[in-house]
PDB file of N, CA and C in Angstrom:
ATOM      1  N   TYR A   1       0.866  -1.117   0.114  1.00  0.00           N
ATOM      2  CA  TYR A   1      -0.026   0.046  -0.074  1.00  0.00           C
ATOM      3  C   TYR A   1       0.771   1.259   0.076  1.00  0.00           C
ATOM      4  N   ARG A   2       2.038   1.255   0.715  1.00  0.00           N
ATOM      5  CA  ARG A   2       2.814   2.289   0.613  1.00  0.00           C
ATOM      6  C   ARG A   2       3.472   2.784  -0.670  1.00  0.00           C
ATOM      7  N   LEU A   3       3.805   1.853  -1.519  1.00  0.00           N
ATOM      8  CA  LEU A   3       4.360   2.047  -2.717  1.00  0.00           C
ATOM      9  C   LEU A   3       3.359   3.069  -3.825  1.00  0.00           C
ATOM     10  N   GLY A   4       2.080   3.206  -3.299  1.00  0.00           N
ATOM     11  CA  GLY A   4       1.194   4.022  -4.077  1.00  0.00           C
ATOM     12  C   GLY A   4       0.474   3.137  -5.253  1.00  0.00           C
ATOM     13  N   LEU A   5       0.933   1.681  -5.165  1.00  0.00           N
ATOM     14  CA  LEU A   5       0.221   0.862  -6.263  1.00  0.00           C
ATOM     15  C   LEU A   5      -1.089   0.322  -5.577  1.00  0.00           C
ATOM     16  N   ASP A   6      -2.113   0.275  -6.162  1.00  0.00           N
ATOM     17  CA  ASP A   6      -3.362  -0.213  -5.876  1.00  0.00           C
ATOM     18  C   ASP A   6      -3.226  -1.870  -6.073  1.00  0.00           C
ATOM     19  N   PRO A   7      -3.249  -2.591  -5.018  1.00  0.00           N
ATOM     20  CA  PRO A   7      -3.177  -4.142  -4.959  1.00  0.00           C
ATOM     21  C   PRO A   7      -3.936  -4.742  -6.075  1.00  0.00           C
ATOM     22  N   ASP A   8      -5.179  -4.226  -6.221  1.00  0.00           N
ATOM     23  CA  ASP A   8      -5.893  -4.925  -7.365  1.00  0.00           C
ATOM     24  C   ASP A   8      -5.457  -4.790  -8.720  1.00  0.00           C
ATOM     25  N   ASN A   9      -4.682  -3.683  -8.885  1.00  0.00           N
ATOM     26  CA  ASN A   9      -4.301  -3.284 -10.205  1.00  0.00           C
ATOM     27  C   ASN A   9      -2.910  -4.022 -10.614  1.00  0.00           C
ATOM     28  N   VAL A  10      -2.301  -4.481  -9.408  1.00  0.00           N
ATOM     29  CA  VAL A  10      -0.996  -5.104  -9.746  1.00  0.00           C
ATOM     30  C   VAL A  10      -1.282  -6.558  -9.662  1.00  0.00           C
ATOM     31  N   VAL A  11      -2.100  -7.205  -8.594  1.00  0.00           N
ATOM     32  CA  VAL A  11      -2.191  -8.518  -8.452  1.00  0.00           C
ATOM     33  C   VAL A  11      -3.054  -9.210  -9.474  1.00  0.00           C
ATOM     34  N   ILE A  12      -4.006  -8.716  -9.846  1.00  0.00           N
ATOM     35  CA  ILE A  12      -4.990  -9.472 -10.758  1.00  0.00           C
ATOM     36  C   ILE A  12      -4.274  -9.684 -12.088  1.00  0.00           C
ATOM     37  N   PRO A  13      -3.629  -8.657 -12.834  1.00  0.00           N
ATOM     38  CA  PRO A  13      -2.864  -9.012 -14.107  1.00  0.00           C
ATOM     39  C   PRO A  13      -1.811  -9.939 -13.991  1.00  0.00           C
ATOM     40  N   VAL A  14      -1.173  -9.963 -12.788  1.00  0.00           N
ATOM     41  CA  VAL A  14      -0.024 -10.674 -12.468  1.00  0.00           C
ATOM     42  C   VAL A  14      -0.565 -12.323 -12.413  1.00  0.00           C
ATOM     43  N   VAL A  15      -1.638 -12.377 -11.888  1.00  0.00           N
ATOM     44  CA  VAL A  15      -2.205 -13.724 -11.663  1.00  0.00           C
ATOM     45  C   VAL A  15      -2.880 -14.186 -13.064  1.00  0.00           C
ATOM     46  N   THR A  16      -3.510 -13.312 -13.870  1.00  0.00           N
ATOM     47  CA  THR A  16      -4.055 -13.862 -15.066  1.00  0.00           C
ATOM     48  C   THR A  16      -2.905 -14.116 -16.095  1.00  0.00           C
ATOM     49  N   ASN A  17      -1.789 -13.417 -15.922  1.00  0.00           N
ATOM     50  CA  ASN A  17      -0.589 -13.639 -16.776  1.00  0.00           C
ATOM     51  C   ASN A  17      -0.020 -15.023 -16.437  1.00  0.00           C
ATOM     52  N   VAL A  18       0.058 -15.440 -15.215  1.00  0.00           N
ATOM     53  CA  VAL A  18       0.630 -16.724 -14.774  1.00  0.00           C
ATOM     54  C   VAL A  18      -0.348 -17.648 -15.165  1.00  0.00           C
ATOM     55  N   CYS A  19      -1.618 -17.583 -15.116  1.00  0.00           N
ATOM     56  CA  CYS A  19      -2.443 -18.577 -15.422  1.00  0.00           C
ATOM     57  C   CYS A  19      -2.310 -18.823 -17.029  1.00  0.00           C
ATOM     58  N   ASP A  20      -2.379 -17.768 -17.681  1.00  0.00           N
ATOM     59  CA  ASP A  20      -2.204 -17.920 -19.328  1.00  0.00           C
ATOM     60  C   ASP A  20      -1.179 -18.708 -19.546  1.00  0.00           C
ATOM     61  N   VAL A  21       0.175 -18.507 -18.957  1.00  0.00           N
ATOM     62  CA  VAL A  21       1.410 -19.045 -19.218  1.00  0.00           C
ATOM     63  C   VAL A  21       1.227 -20.495 -18.915  1.00  0.00           C
ATOM     64  N   LEU A  22       0.777 -20.960 -17.745  1.00  0.00           N
ATOM     65  CA  LEU A  22       0.395 -22.236 -17.282  1.00  0.00           C
ATOM     66  C   LEU A  22      -0.432 -22.971 -18.196  1.00  0.00           C
ATOM     67  N   GLY A  23      -1.402 -22.377 -18.615  1.00  0.00           N
ATOM     68  CA  GLY A  23      -2.483 -22.877 -19.456  1.00  0.00           C
ATOM     69  C   GLY A  23      -1.853 -23.273 -20.743  1.00  0.00           C
ATOM     70  N   VAL A  24      -0.939 -22.532 -21.281  1.00  0.00           N
ATOM     71  CA  VAL A  24      -0.375 -22.955 -22.752  1.00  0.00           C
ATOM     72  C   VAL A  24       0.483 -23.949 -22.303  1.00  0.00           C
ATOM     73  N   LEU A  25       1.292 -23.976 -21.180  1.00  0.00           N
ATOM     74  CA  LEU A  25       2.313 -25.095 -20.980  1.00  0.00           C
ATOM     75  C   LEU A  25       1.593 -26.281 -20.829  1.00  0.00           C
ATOM     76  N   VAL A  26       0.301 -26.388 -20.186  1.00  0.00           N
ATOM     77  CA  VAL A  26      -0.321 -27.515 -19.864  1.00  0.00           C
ATOM     78  C   VAL A  26      -0.897 -28.282 -21.178  1.00  0.00           C
ATOM     79  N   LEU A  27      -1.421 -27.200 -22.201  1.00  0.00           N
ATOM     80  CA  LEU A  27      -1.829 -27.540 -23.539  1.00  0.00           C
ATOM     81  C   LEU A  27      -0.747 -28.302 -24.282  1.00  0.00           C
ATOM     82  N   PHE A  28       0.421 -27.526 -24.400  1.00  0.00           N
ATOM     83  CA  PHE A  28       1.667 -28.228 -25.028  1.00  0.00           C
ATOM     84  C   PHE A  28       1.801 -29.474 -24.469  1.00  0.00           C
ATOM     85  N   ALA A  29       1.858 -29.777 -23.024  1.00  0.00           N
ATOM     86  CA  ALA A  29       2.186 -31.075 -22.531  1.00  0.00           C
ATOM     87  C   ALA A  29       1.259 -32.182 -22.968  1.00  0.00           C
ATOM     88  N   VAL A  30      -0.216 -31.696 -22.716  1.00  0.00           N
ATOM     89  CA  VAL A  30      -1.304 -32.512 -23.153  1.00  0.00           C
ATOM     90  C   VAL A  30      -1.111 -33.212 -24.655  1.00  0.00           C
ATOM     91  N   VAL A  31      -0.748 -32.035 -25.430  1.00  0.00           N
ATOM     92  CA  VAL A  31      -0.641 -32.464 -26.920  1.00  0.00           C
ATOM     93  C   VAL A  31       0.483 -33.429 -27.182  1.00  0.00           C
ATOM     94  N   ARG A  32       1.621 -33.074 -26.448  1.00  0.00           N
ATOM     95  CA  ARG A  32       2.806 -34.005 -26.624  1.00  0.00           C
ATOM     96  C   ARG A  32       2.518 -35.321 -26.334  1.00  0.00           C
ATOM     97  N   VAL A  33       1.940 -35.514 -25.150  1.00  0.00           N
ATOM     98  CA  VAL A  33       1.364 -36.955 -24.538  1.00  0.00           C
ATOM     99  C   VAL A  33       0.507 -37.645 -25.454  1.00  0.00           C
ATOM    100  N   LEU A  34      -0.492 -36.925 -25.947  1.00  0.00           N
ATOM    101  CA  LEU A  34      -1.410 -37.572 -26.871  1.00  0.00           C
ATOM    102  C   LEU A  34      -0.808 -37.865 -28.252  1.00  0.00           C
ATOM    103  N   VAL A  35      -0.006 -36.894 -28.931  1.00  0.00           N
ATOM    104  CA  VAL A  35       0.535 -37.258 -30.232  1.00  0.00           C
ATOM    105  C   VAL A  35       1.862 -38.014 -30.148  1.00  0.00           C
TER     106      VAL A  35
END
């Protein structure tokens, strides 16, 4: 809070980016296993 950053504006984009990256990695892993 002291840094002048709104936690919601920082945490939510980071979480969504991490989820996107993990989702892509999981998709590639599944494709590799199936193919």
